[in-house]
Amino acid sequence: MTVQPVFVEPDYTYLQLNVDVLYDPYKTNMTTSELQTKVKNVILNYASLALNKFNSTFSATDFNQTIKITDSSIITSDMTVKV
C-alpha cells in the first residue's frame, strides 16, 4: 500500500471594497485628508492581519467595527463589496 500526495491549488476570492465614512468634523482635530489616510491604513492593516491567512473569512460586521473605532469622530461607514 502506498500513499500518493495530491496537491490542490487554493481558491482565492478577491474582494473589491468601496467604503464611505460619515464623520463629525467637530469631534476631531484631523483634516478630511488625514482621516481618510488613517481609515485607508486601518483597512490595509485589517486585510493583512485578518484576511491574508489560510482559511480566513471576511466578516462585514467586524470590518465595519474596525473602521468605526478608528476615530471617535466616525459615526458610521457604508460598504459595498464586489467579488
PDB file of N, CA and C in Angstrom:
ATOM      1  N   MET A   1       0.847  -1.164   0.000  1.00  0.00           N
ATOM      2  CA  MET A   1       0.000   0.000   0.000  1.00  0.00           C
ATOM      3  C   MET A   1       0.901   1.238   0.000  1.00  0.00           C
ATOM      4  N   THR A   2       0.613   2.154  -0.878  1.00  0.00           N
ATOM      5  CA  THR A   2       1.368   3.396  -0.934  1.00  0.00           C
ATOM      6  C   THR A   2       0.405   4.573  -0.822  1.00  0.00           C
ATOM      7  N   VAL A   3       0.973   5.662  -0.378  1.00  0.00           N
ATOM      8  CA  VAL A   3       0.193   6.891  -0.267  1.00  0.00           C
ATOM      9  C   VAL A   3       0.745   7.867  -1.292  1.00  0.00           C
ATOM     10  N   GLN A   4      -0.127   8.402  -2.102  1.00  0.00           N
ATOM     11  CA  GLN A   4       0.291   9.367  -3.109  1.00  0.00           C
ATOM     12  C   GLN A   4      -0.272  10.741  -2.732  1.00  0.00           C
ATOM     13  N   PRO A   5       0.605  11.670  -2.440  1.00  0.00           N
ATOM     14  CA  PRO A   5       0.111  13.010  -2.098  1.00  0.00           C
ATOM     15  C   PRO A   5      -0.495  13.694  -3.331  1.00  0.00           C
ATOM     16  N   VAL A   6      -1.549  14.412  -3.086  1.00  0.00           N
ATOM     17  CA  VAL A   6      -2.202  15.183  -4.141  1.00  0.00           C
ATOM     18  C   VAL A   6      -2.195  16.642  -3.706  1.00  0.00           C
ATOM     19  N   PHE A   7      -1.642  17.481  -4.542  1.00  0.00           N
ATOM     20  CA  PHE A   7      -1.610  18.909  -4.245  1.00  0.00           C
ATOM     21  C   PHE A   7      -2.774  19.594  -4.940  1.00  0.00           C
ATOM     22  N   VAL A   8      -3.514  20.338  -4.170  1.00  0.00           N
ATOM     23  CA  VAL A   8      -4.675  21.048  -4.689  1.00  0.00           C
ATOM     24  C   VAL A   8      -4.387  22.537  -4.608  1.00  0.00           C
ATOM     25  N   GLU A   9      -4.606  23.214  -5.717  1.00  0.00           N
ATOM     26  CA  GLU A   9      -4.405  24.661  -5.737  1.00  0.00           C
ATOM     27  C   GLU A   9      -5.468  25.338  -4.861  1.00  0.00           C
ATOM     28  N   PRO A  10      -5.060  26.318  -4.084  1.00  0.00           N
ATOM     29  CA  PRO A  10      -6.045  27.010  -3.237  1.00  0.00           C
ATOM     30  C   PRO A  10      -6.976  27.885  -4.077  1.00  0.00           C
ATOM     31  N   ASP A  11      -8.166  28.086  -3.562  1.00  0.00           N
ATOM     32  CA  ASP A  11      -9.114  29.003  -4.184  1.00  0.00           C
ATOM     33  C   ASP A  11      -8.962  30.361  -3.522  1.00  0.00           C
ATOM     34  N   TYR A  12      -8.794  31.373  -4.331  1.00  0.00           N
ATOM     35  CA  TYR A  12      -8.687  32.726  -3.819  1.00  0.00           C
ATOM     36  C   TYR A  12      -9.931  33.500  -4.229  1.00  0.00           C
ATOM     37  N   THR A  13     -10.442  34.279  -3.316  1.00  0.00           N
ATOM     38  CA  THR A  13     -11.545  35.171  -3.614  1.00  0.00           C
ATOM     39  C   THR A  13     -11.051  36.592  -3.356  1.00  0.00           C
ATOM     40  N   TYR A  14     -11.127  37.394  -4.377  1.00  0.00           N
ATOM     41  CA  TYR A  14     -10.671  38.773  -4.252  1.00  0.00           C
ATOM     42  C   TYR A  14     -11.878  39.676  -4.065  1.00  0.00           C
ATOM     43  N   LEU A  15     -11.780  40.573  -3.104  1.00  0.00           N
ATOM     44  CA  LEU A  15     -12.872  41.494  -2.800  1.00  0.00           C
ATOM     45  C   LEU A  15     -12.486  42.902  -3.224  1.00  0.00           C
ATOM     46  N   GLN A  16     -13.427  43.583  -3.825  1.00  0.00           N
ATOM     47  CA  GLN A  16     -13.255  44.998  -4.120  1.00  0.00           C
ATOM     48  C   GLN A  16     -14.214  45.745  -3.206  1.00  0.00           C
ATOM     49  N   LEU A  17     -13.663  46.573  -2.347  1.00  0.00           N
ATOM     50  CA  LEU A  17     -14.477  47.282  -1.359  1.00  0.00           C
ATOM     51  C   LEU A  17     -14.573  48.759  -1.705  1.00  0.00           C
ATOM     52  N   ASN A  18     -15.764  49.278  -1.574  1.00  0.00           N
ATOM     53  CA  ASN A  18     -15.975  50.714  -1.660  1.00  0.00           C
ATOM     54  C   ASN A  18     -16.536  51.133  -0.303  1.00  0.00           C
ATOM     55  N   VAL A  19     -15.783  51.937   0.419  1.00  0.00           N
ATOM     56  CA  VAL A  19     -16.168  52.301   1.786  1.00  0.00           C
ATOM     57  C   VAL A  19     -16.393  53.808   1.872  1.00  0.00           C
ATOM     58  N   ASP A  20     -17.571  54.184   2.325  1.00  0.00           N
ATOM     59  CA  ASP A  20     -17.891  55.588   2.592  1.00  0.00           C
ATOM     60  C   ASP A  20     -17.996  55.751   4.099  1.00  0.00           C
ATOM     61  N   VAL A  21     -17.348  56.777   4.606  1.00  0.00           N
ATOM     62  CA  VAL A  21     -17.328  57.025   6.044  1.00  0.00           C
ATOM     63  C   VAL A  21     -18.012  58.354   6.330  1.00  0.00           C
ATOM     64  N   LEU A  22     -18.951  58.321   7.264  1.00  0.00           N
ATOM     65  CA  LEU A  22     -19.612  59.531   7.734  1.00  0.00           C
ATOM     66  C   LEU A  22     -18.998  59.885   9.082  1.00  0.00           C
ATOM     67  N   TYR A  23     -18.521  61.117   9.197  1.00  0.00           N
ATOM     68  CA  TYR A  23     -17.884  61.525  10.450  1.00  0.00           C
ATOM     69  C   TYR A  23     -18.313  62.937  10.829  1.00  0.00           C
ATOM     70  N   ASP A  24     -18.128  63.254  12.089  1.00  0.00           N
ATOM     71  CA  ASP A  24     -18.448  64.575  12.614  1.00  0.00           C
ATOM     72  C   ASP A  24     -17.152  65.377  12.690  1.00  0.00           C
ATOM     73  N   PRO A  25     -16.981  66.370  11.837  1.00  0.00           N
ATOM     74  CA  PRO A  25     -15.731  67.126  11.816  1.00  0.00           C
ATOM     75  C   PRO A  25     -15.468  67.925  13.097  1.00  0.00           C
ATOM     76  N   TYR A  26     -16.510  68.122  13.898  1.00  0.00           N
ATOM     77  CA  TYR A  26     -16.342  68.854  15.147  1.00  0.00           C
ATOM     78  C   TYR A  26     -15.792  67.977  16.271  1.00  0.00           C
ATOM     79  N   LYS A  27     -15.728  66.666  16.029  1.00  0.00           N
ATOM     80  CA  LYS A  27     -15.226  65.747  17.051  1.00  0.00           C
ATOM     81  C   LYS A  27     -13.808  65.262  16.772  1.00  0.00           C
ATOM     82  N   THR A  28     -13.129  65.924  15.842  1.00  0.00           N
ATOM     83  CA  THR A  28     -11.762  65.531  15.532  1.00  0.00           C
ATOM     84  C   THR A  28     -10.932  66.762  15.189  1.00  0.00           C
ATOM     85  N   ASN A  29      -9.645  66.630  15.417  1.00  0.00           N
ATOM     86  CA  ASN A  29      -8.707  67.681  15.034  1.00  0.00           C
ATOM     87  C   ASN A  29      -8.076  67.379  13.674  1.00  0.00           C
ATOM     88  N   MET A  30      -8.400  66.223  13.125  1.00  0.00           N
ATOM     89  CA  MET A  30      -7.819  65.822  11.848  1.00  0.00           C
ATOM     90  C   MET A  30      -8.555  66.464  10.681  1.00  0.00           C
ATOM     91  N   THR A  31      -7.816  66.679   9.607  1.00  0.00           N
ATOM     92  CA  THR A  31      -8.446  67.132   8.373  1.00  0.00           C
ATOM     93  C   THR A  31      -9.110  65.924   7.709  1.00  0.00           C
ATOM     94  N   THR A  32      -9.928  66.192   6.720  1.00  0.00           N
ATOM     95  CA  THR A  32     -10.571  65.107   5.976  1.00  0.00           C
ATOM     96  C   THR A  32      -9.520  64.190   5.371  1.00  0.00           C
ATOM     97  N   SER A  33      -8.499  64.785   4.826  1.00  0.00           N
ATOM     98  CA  SER A  33      -7.418  64.012   4.206  1.00  0.00           C
ATOM     99  C   SER A  33      -6.692  63.125   5.216  1.00  0.00           C
ATOM    100  N   GLU A  34      -6.434  63.654   6.387  1.00  0.00           N
ATOM    101  CA  GLU A  34      -5.754  62.872   7.430  1.00  0.00           C
ATOM    102  C   GLU A  34      -6.623  61.703   7.891  1.00  0.00           C
ATOM    103  N   LEU A  35      -7.907  61.956   8.071  1.00  0.00           N
ATOM    104  CA  LEU A  35      -8.812  60.885   8.488  1.00  0.00           C
ATOM    105  C   LEU A  35      -8.941  59.835   7.389  1.00  0.00           C
ATOM    106  N   GLN A  36      -8.989  60.276   6.153  1.00  0.00           N
ATOM    107  CA  GLN A  36      -9.062  59.355   5.027  1.00  0.00           C
ATOM    108  C   GLN A  36      -7.825  58.453   5.001  1.00  0.00           C
ATOM    109  N   THR A  37      -6.671  59.022   5.195  1.00  0.00           N
ATOM    110  CA  THR A  37      -5.428  58.246   5.229  1.00  0.00           C
ATOM    111  C   THR A  37      -5.439  57.253   6.385  1.00  0.00           C
ATOM    112  N   LYS A  38      -5.912  57.695   7.534  1.00  0.00           N
ATOM    113  CA  LYS A  38      -5.976  56.814   8.702  1.00  0.00           C
ATOM    114  C   LYS A  38      -6.900  55.627   8.450  1.00  0.00           C
ATOM    115  N   VAL A  39      -8.056  55.888   7.851  1.00  0.00           N
ATOM    116  CA  VAL A  39      -9.014  54.816   7.549  1.00  0.00           C
ATOM    117  C   VAL A  39      -8.421  53.857   6.517  1.00  0.00           C
ATOM    118  N   LYS A  40      -7.768  54.376   5.493  1.00  0.00           N
ATOM    119  CA  LYS A  40      -7.132  53.520   4.486  1.00  0.00           C
ATOM    120  C   LYS A  40      -6.094  52.600   5.134  1.00  0.00           C
ATOM    121  N   ASN A  41      -5.304  53.156   6.038  1.00  0.00           N
ATOM    122  CA  ASN A  41      -4.292  52.341   6.725  1.00  0.00           C
ATOM    123  C   ASN A  41      -4.927  51.260   7.592  1.00  0.00           C
ATOM    124  N   VAL A  42      -6.031  51.584   8.231  1.00  0.00           N
ATOM    125  CA  VAL A  42      -6.746  50.591   9.047  1.00  0.00           C
ATOM    126  C   VAL A  42      -7.292  49.473   8.153  1.00  0.00           C
ATOM    127  N   ILE A  43      -7.814  49.839   6.990  1.00  0.00           N
ATOM    128  CA  ILE A  43      -8.327  48.839   6.054  1.00  0.00           C
ATOM    129  C   ILE A  43      -7.203  47.915   5.585  1.00  0.00           C
ATOM    130  N   LEU A  44      -6.069  48.482   5.219  1.00  0.00           N
ATOM    131  CA  LEU A  44      -4.932  47.669   4.774  1.00  0.00           C
ATOM    132  C   LEU A  44      -4.421  46.772   5.895  1.00  0.00           C
ATOM    133  N   ASN A  45      -4.388  47.299   7.097  1.00  0.00           N
ATOM    134  CA  ASN A  45      -3.948  46.513   8.251  1.00  0.00           C
ATOM    135  C   ASN A  45      -4.923  45.367   8.533  1.00  0.00           C
ATOM    136  N   TYR A  46      -6.222  45.646   8.433  1.00  0.00           N
ATOM    137  CA  TYR A  46      -7.238  44.611   8.634  1.00  0.00           C
ATOM    138  C   TYR A  46      -7.063  43.493   7.612  1.00  0.00           C
ATOM    139  N   ALA A  47      -6.855  43.880   6.364  1.00  0.00           N
ATOM    140  CA  ALA A  47      -6.666  42.878   5.308  1.00  0.00           C
ATOM    141  C   ALA A  47      -5.435  42.028   5.583  1.00  0.00           C
ATOM    142  N   SER A  48      -4.379  42.675   6.017  1.00  0.00           N
ATOM    143  CA  SER A  48      -3.129  41.958   6.287  1.00  0.00           C
ATOM    144  C   SER A  48      -3.252  40.997   7.464  1.00  0.00           C
ATOM    145  N   LEU A  49      -3.903  41.437   8.524  1.00  0.00           N
ATOM    146  CA  LEU A  49      -3.977  40.625   9.740  1.00  0.00           C
ATOM    147  C   LEU A  49      -5.133  39.618   9.743  1.00  0.00           C
ATOM    148  N   ALA A  50      -6.259  39.991   9.159  1.00  0.00           N
ATOM    149  CA  ALA A  50      -7.448  39.141   9.269  1.00  0.00           C
ATOM    150  C   ALA A  50      -7.747  38.324   8.018  1.00  0.00           C
ATOM    151  N   LEU A  51      -7.296  38.798   6.859  1.00  0.00           N
ATOM    152  CA  LEU A  51      -7.720  38.131   5.631  1.00  0.00           C
ATOM    153  C   LEU A  51      -6.613  37.389   4.898  1.00  0.00           C
ATOM    154  N   ASN A  52      -5.414  37.832   5.004  1.00  0.00           N
ATOM    155  CA  ASN A  52      -4.325  37.215   4.252  1.00  0.00           C
ATOM    156  C   ASN A  52      -3.761  36.006   4.978  1.00  0.00           C
ATOM    157  N   LYS A  53      -4.658  35.154   5.403  1.00  0.00           N
ATOM    158  CA  LYS A  53      -4.295  33.931   6.107  1.00  0.00           C
ATOM    159  C   LYS A  53      -5.030  32.768   5.464  1.00  0.00           C
ATOM    160  N   PHE A  54      -4.488  31.599   5.659  1.00  0.00           N
ATOM    161  CA  PHE A  54      -5.142  30.400   5.165  1.00  0.00           C
ATOM    162  C   PHE A  54      -6.490  30.227   5.853  1.00  0.00           C
ATOM    163  N   ASN A  55      -7.511  29.942   5.077  1.00  0.00           N
ATOM    164  CA  ASN A  55      -8.849  29.636   5.581  1.00  0.00           C
ATOM    165  C   ASN A  55      -9.489  30.803   6.353  1.00  0.00           C
ATOM    166  N   SER A  56      -9.209  32.025   5.937  1.00  0.00           N
ATOM    167  CA  SER A  56      -9.805  33.174   6.614  1.00  0.00           C
ATOM    168  C   SER A  56     -11.158  33.503   5.982  1.00  0.00           C
ATOM    169  N   THR A  57     -11.995  34.161   6.757  1.00  0.00           N
ATOM    170  CA  THR A  57     -13.338  34.525   6.320  1.00  0.00           C
ATOM    171  C   THR A  57     -13.545  36.013   6.543  1.00  0.00           C
ATOM    172  N   PHE A  58     -14.104  36.679   5.539  1.00  0.00           N
ATOM    173  CA  PHE A  58     -14.393  38.099   5.647  1.00  0.00           C
ATOM    174  C   PHE A  58     -15.685  38.296   6.426  1.00  0.00           C
ATOM    175  N   SER A  59     -15.638  39.148   7.432  1.00  0.00           N
ATOM    176  CA  SER A  59     -16.815  39.488   8.218  1.00  0.00           C
ATOM    177  C   SER A  59     -17.072  40.985   8.067  1.00  0.00           C
ATOM    178  N   ALA A  60     -18.166  41.324   7.400  1.00  0.00           N
ATOM    179  CA  ALA A  60     -18.506  42.728   7.195  1.00  0.00           C
ATOM    180  C   ALA A  60     -18.727  43.451   8.518  1.00  0.00           C
ATOM    181  N   THR A  61     -19.307  42.760   9.481  1.00  0.00           N
ATOM    182  CA  THR A  61     -19.559  43.355  10.801  1.00  0.00           C
ATOM    183  C   THR A  61     -18.245  43.715  11.486  1.00  0.00           C
ATOM    184  N   ASP A  62     -17.303  42.788  11.513  1.00  0.00           N
ATOM    185  CA  ASP A  62     -16.003  43.053  12.126  1.00  0.00           C
ATOM    186  C   ASP A  62     -15.268  44.167  11.387  1.00  0.00           C
ATOM    187  N   PHE A  63     -15.356  44.134  10.065  1.00  0.00           N
ATOM    188  CA  PHE A  63     -14.693  45.144   9.248  1.00  0.00           C
ATOM    189  C   PHE A  63     -15.248  46.535   9.548  1.00  0.00           C
ATOM    190  N   ASN A  64     -16.573  46.666   9.557  1.00  0.00           N
ATOM    191  CA  ASN A  64     -17.190  47.961   9.856  1.00  0.00           C
ATOM    192  C   ASN A  64     -16.868  48.437  11.270  1.00  0.00           C
ATOM    193  N   GLN A  65     -16.828  47.517  12.212  1.00  0.00           N
ATOM    194  CA  GLN A  65     -16.489  47.883  13.591  1.00  0.00           C
ATOM    195  C   GLN A  65     -15.046  48.371  13.676  1.00  0.00           C
ATOM    196  N   THR A  66     -14.174  47.736  12.935  1.00  0.00           N
ATOM    197  CA  THR A  66     -12.765  48.152  12.908  1.00  0.00           C
ATOM    198  C   THR A  66     -12.638  49.574  12.382  1.00  0.00           C
ATOM    199  N   ILE A  67     -13.402  49.882  11.353  1.00  0.00           N
ATOM    200  CA  ILE A  67     -13.376  51.245  10.806  1.00  0.00           C
ATOM    201  C   ILE A  67     -13.962  52.231  11.815  1.00  0.00           C
ATOM    202  N   LYS A  68     -15.062  51.861  12.434  1.00  0.00           N
ATOM    203  CA  LYS A  68     -15.739  52.759  13.378  1.00  0.00           C
ATOM    204  C   LYS A  68     -14.854  53.136  14.557  1.00  0.00           C
ATOM    205  N   ILE A  69     -14.043  52.214  15.045  1.00  0.00           N
ATOM    206  CA  ILE A  69     -13.188  52.524  16.201  1.00  0.00           C
ATOM    207  C   ILE A  69     -11.874  53.200  15.810  1.00  0.00           C
ATOM    208  N   THR A  70     -11.711  53.470  14.527  1.00  0.00           N
ATOM    209  CA  THR A  70     -10.509  54.165  14.063  1.00  0.00           C
ATOM    210  C   THR A  70     -10.391  55.543  14.694  1.00  0.00           C
ATOM    211  N   ASP A  71     -11.511  56.232  14.800  1.00  0.00           N
ATOM    212  CA  ASP A  71     -11.510  57.580  15.374  1.00  0.00           C
ATOM    213  C   ASP A  71     -12.882  57.842  15.977  1.00  0.00           C
ATOM    214  N   SER A  72     -12.908  58.577  17.073  1.00  0.00           N
ATOM    215  CA  SER A  72     -14.175  58.840  17.768  1.00  0.00           C
ATOM    216  C   SER A  72     -15.120  59.716  16.953  1.00  0.00           C
ATOM    217  N   SER A  73     -14.618  60.381  15.937  1.00  0.00           N
ATOM    218  CA  SER A  73     -15.474  61.233  15.108  1.00  0.00           C
ATOM    219  C   SER A  73     -16.273  60.437  14.072  1.00  0.00           C
ATOM    220  N   ILE A  74     -15.906  59.190  13.837  1.00  0.00           N
ATOM    221  CA  ILE A  74     -16.603  58.387  12.835  1.00  0.00           C
ATOM    222  C   ILE A  74     -17.954  57.950  13.388  1.00  0.00           C
ATOM    223  N   ILE A  75     -18.998  58.308  12.666  1.00  0.00           N
ATOM    224  CA  ILE A  75     -20.363  57.983  13.071  1.00  0.00           C
ATOM    225  C   ILE A  75     -20.749  56.614  12.533  1.00  0.00           C
ATOM    226  N   THR A  76     -20.502  56.409  11.253  1.00  0.00           N
ATOM    227  CA  THR A  76     -20.835  55.139  10.622  1.00  0.00           C
ATOM    228  C   THR A  76     -20.038  54.984   9.335  1.00  0.00           C
ATOM    229  N   SER A  77     -20.055  53.778   8.803  1.00  0.00           N
ATOM    230  CA  SER A  77     -19.451  53.532   7.495  1.00  0.00           C
ATOM    231  C   SER A  77     -20.401  52.679   6.681  1.00  0.00           C
ATOM    232  N   ASP A  78     -20.389  52.928   5.391  1.00  0.00           N
ATOM    233  CA  ASP A  78     -21.219  52.176   4.463  1.00  0.00           C
ATOM    234  C   ASP A  78     -20.286  51.490   3.477  1.00  0.00           C
ATOM    235  N   MET A  79     -20.523  50.221   3.230  1.00  0.00           N
ATOM    236  CA  MET A  79     -19.609  49.460   2.426  1.00  0.00           C
ATOM    237  C   MET A  79     -20.337  48.716   1.328  1.00  0.00           C
ATOM    238  N   THR A  80     -19.728  48.716   0.144  1.00  0.00           N
ATOM    239  CA  THR A  80     -20.199  47.908  -0.976  1.00  0.00           C
ATOM    240  C   THR A  80     -19.082  46.925  -1.303  1.00  0.00           C
ATOM    241  N   VAL A  81     -19.450  45.654  -1.423  1.00  0.00           N
ATOM    242  CA  VAL A  81     -18.463  44.600  -1.684  1.00  0.00           C
ATOM    243  C   VAL A  81     -18.760  43.982  -3.046  1.00  0.00           C
ATOM    244  N   LYS A  82     -17.718  43.922  -3.873  1.00  0.00           N
ATOM    245  CA  LYS A  82     -17.812  43.224  -5.149  1.00  0.00           C
ATOM    246  C   LYS A  82     -16.834  42.053  -5.109  1.00  0.00           C
ATOM    247  N   VAL A  83     -17.294  40.906  -5.576  1.00  0.00           N
ATOM    248  CA  VAL A  83     -16.439  39.715  -5.591  1.00  0.00           C
ATOM    249  C   VAL A  83     -15.916  39.520  -6.996  1.00  0.00           C
TER     250      VAL A  83
END
